[in-house]
Amino acid sequence: MRWDRCEFLTTSSILAAGVLGRPSGSGGEAQTPGAGQPTPPPTEFRPLRDSVGIFIGQGGTIGWLVSPDGVVVVDAQMPPTATVCLDGLNARSGDRPIACLFNAHHHADHTSGNGVFRPAVEKIVAHARVPGLQKAAARPGTEGN
């Protein structure tokens, strides 16, 4: 089966909503690092509706949904802000498991934080070509687009 990006994101969103059911409420304060740690770029949790929101930081936006059954995340940004996001999601979710992390596409500003999320995530979902595209992008002299 071959999907384009729009079909992938639409199907992923429907799956996430079906897996986790109806979301519950959450807060929207900005997150800061702990003492003695390098300061990541400014970040912000911004609720959009009920417990669906966005996390803004280095590399763009991470989407999140927190429900009574678990958490779904879309994209992982870069490691410093992924750490801040993961800490904030744990605080919002009462340490519910992260059922799924969806990668919108292979670019580093969407996937470099996967390693931070990996220990807390049950499943990472991406287009079938993402691993090959990431490897190609990591080779010296390639742009990976």
Protein backbone atom coordinates (compact mmCIF):
# COMPACT_ATOMS: atom_id res chain seq x y z
CA MET A 1 0.00 0.00 0.00
CA ARG A 2 1.38 3.43 -0.92
CA TRP A 3 0.29 6.51 1.05
CA ASP A 4 0.95 10.15 0.46
CA ARG A 5 1.64 12.45 3.42
CA CYS A 6 -1.94 13.71 3.71
CA GLU A 7 -3.37 10.18 3.76
CA PHE A 8 -0.76 9.12 6.34
CA LEU A 9 -1.52 12.03 8.68
CA THR A 10 -5.28 11.66 8.30
CA THR A 11 -5.20 7.92 8.94
CA SER A 12 -2.78 8.33 11.84
CA SER A 13 -5.00 10.95 13.48
CA ILE A 14 -8.09 8.78 13.13
CA LEU A 15 -6.20 5.80 14.55
CA ALA A 16 -4.91 7.84 17.50
CA ALA A 17 -8.38 9.13 18.32
CA GLY A 18 -9.83 5.63 18.09
CA VAL A 19 -7.10 4.03 20.19
CA LEU A 20 -7.20 6.55 22.98
CA GLY A 21 -10.83 7.58 23.02
CA ARG A 22 -12.13 10.93 24.23
CA PRO A 23 -9.46 13.29 25.64
CA SER A 24 -9.55 14.93 29.07
CA GLY A 25 -8.46 18.46 30.15
CA SER A 26 -4.92 19.80 30.68
CA GLY A 27 -2.99 22.99 31.44
CA GLY A 28 -0.84 25.16 29.21
CA GLU A 29 2.10 26.64 31.10
CA ALA A 30 5.54 27.04 29.55
CA GLN A 31 8.25 24.57 30.58
CA THR A 32 11.79 25.35 31.81
CA PRO A 33 14.77 23.04 32.41
CA GLY A 34 16.05 21.96 35.80
CA ALA A 35 19.04 23.63 37.51
CA GLY A 36 22.45 22.68 36.17
CA GLN A 37 21.14 21.50 32.79
CA PRO A 38 21.84 23.26 29.49
CA THR A 39 19.10 25.73 28.68
CA PRO A 40 17.09 24.59 25.64
CA PRO A 41 15.41 27.11 23.35
CA PRO A 42 12.22 28.70 24.70
CA THR A 43 9.29 26.29 24.75
CA GLU A 44 5.57 26.49 25.30
CA PHE A 45 2.70 24.05 25.80
CA ARG A 46 -0.39 25.46 24.11
CA PRO A 47 -3.69 23.60 24.60
CA LEU A 48 -5.94 23.78 21.54
CA ARG A 49 -9.05 21.94 22.68
CA ASP A 50 -9.78 19.70 25.67
CA SER A 51 -6.47 17.86 26.03
CA VAL A 52 -5.23 18.23 22.48
CA GLY A 53 -2.48 20.75 22.01
CA ILE A 54 0.86 21.70 20.62
CA PHE A 55 4.31 22.04 22.11
CA ILE A 56 6.40 24.76 20.51
CA GLY A 57 10.18 24.59 20.65
CA GLN A 58 13.29 23.98 18.55
CA GLY A 59 12.46 22.49 15.19
CA GLY A 60 8.80 23.41 15.03
CA THR A 61 5.77 21.94 16.71
CA ILE A 62 4.97 18.70 18.51
CA GLY A 63 1.31 17.73 18.56
CA TRP A 64 -0.08 15.92 21.63
CA LEU A 65 -3.25 14.28 22.84
CA VAL A 66 -3.73 13.10 26.42
CA SER A 67 -6.62 10.77 27.19
CA PRO A 68 -7.55 8.58 30.16
CA ASP A 69 -6.00 5.61 28.30
CA GLY A 70 -2.72 7.17 27.25
CA VAL A 71 -0.90 9.75 25.18
CA VAL A 72 -0.26 10.23 21.46
CA VAL A 73 2.51 12.50 20.16
CA VAL A 74 3.16 13.79 16.62
CA ASP A 75 6.83 14.56 15.89
CA ALA A 76 9.74 14.74 18.30
CA GLN A 77 11.75 17.88 17.40
CA MET A 78 15.35 17.96 18.69
CA PRO A 79 16.71 16.25 21.84
CA PRO A 80 16.88 19.33 24.15
CA THR A 81 13.27 20.33 23.55
CA ALA A 82 12.07 16.73 23.29
CA THR A 83 13.23 16.29 26.90
CA VAL A 84 11.24 19.35 28.02
CA CYS A 85 8.20 18.12 26.07
CA LEU A 86 8.37 14.61 27.50
CA ASP A 87 8.62 15.97 31.07
CA GLY A 88 5.64 18.25 30.43
CA LEU A 89 3.57 15.45 28.91
CA ASN A 90 4.31 13.21 31.90
CA ALA A 91 3.11 15.98 34.21
CA ARG A 92 -0.09 16.45 32.17
CA SER A 93 -0.83 12.76 31.79
CA GLY A 94 -0.13 11.55 35.33
CA ASP A 95 2.60 9.36 33.81
CA ARG A 96 0.15 7.50 31.54
CA PRO A 97 2.00 5.61 28.83
CA ILE A 98 2.71 7.21 25.47
CA ALA A 99 0.94 4.81 23.15
CA CYS A 100 2.34 6.17 19.92
CA LEU A 101 4.77 8.71 18.49
CA PHE A 102 3.98 9.57 14.86
CA ASN A 103 6.74 11.05 12.69
CA ALA A 104 5.26 13.30 10.00
CA HIS A 105 8.37 12.83 7.86
CA HIS A 106 12.08 12.07 8.05
CA HIS A 107 13.64 15.51 8.54
CA ALA A 108 15.81 15.88 11.65
CA ASP A 109 13.66 18.68 13.11
CA HIS A 110 10.79 16.14 13.27
CA THR A 111 12.68 13.00 14.32
CA SER A 112 15.91 13.85 16.20
CA GLY A 113 14.05 13.71 19.51
CA ASN A 114 12.91 10.11 18.88
CA GLY A 115 15.75 8.83 21.08
CA VAL A 116 14.48 10.91 23.99
CA PHE A 117 10.92 9.61 23.55
CA ARG A 118 11.90 5.98 22.75
CA PRO A 119 12.07 4.68 26.37
CA ALA A 120 8.63 6.15 27.12
CA VAL A 121 6.86 5.22 23.85
CA GLU A 122 5.13 1.94 23.11
CA LYS A 123 5.35 2.42 19.31
CA ILE A 124 6.92 4.87 16.85
CA VAL A 125 5.04 5.10 13.54
CA ALA A 126 6.40 6.60 10.33
CA HIS A 127 6.11 6.15 6.60
CA ALA A 128 7.90 2.99 5.42
CA ARG A 129 10.54 5.05 3.58
CA VAL A 130 11.57 7.09 6.64
CA PRO A 131 14.46 4.86 7.83
CA GLY A 132 16.08 4.88 4.39
CA LEU A 133 15.59 8.63 3.98
CA GLN A 134 17.10 9.26 7.44
CA LYS A 135 20.14 7.13 6.56
CA ALA A 136 20.55 8.98 3.26
CA ALA A 137 20.28 12.35 5.03
CA ALA A 138 22.97 11.31 7.53
CA ARG A 139 25.53 10.52 4.81
CA PRO A 140 28.12 13.29 4.36
CA GLY A 141 27.48 15.50 1.36
CA THR A 142 23.74 14.79 1.13
CA GLU A 143 20.88 17.06 2.02
CA GLY A 144 18.38 14.26 2.66
CA ASN A 145 15.42 15.99 1.08
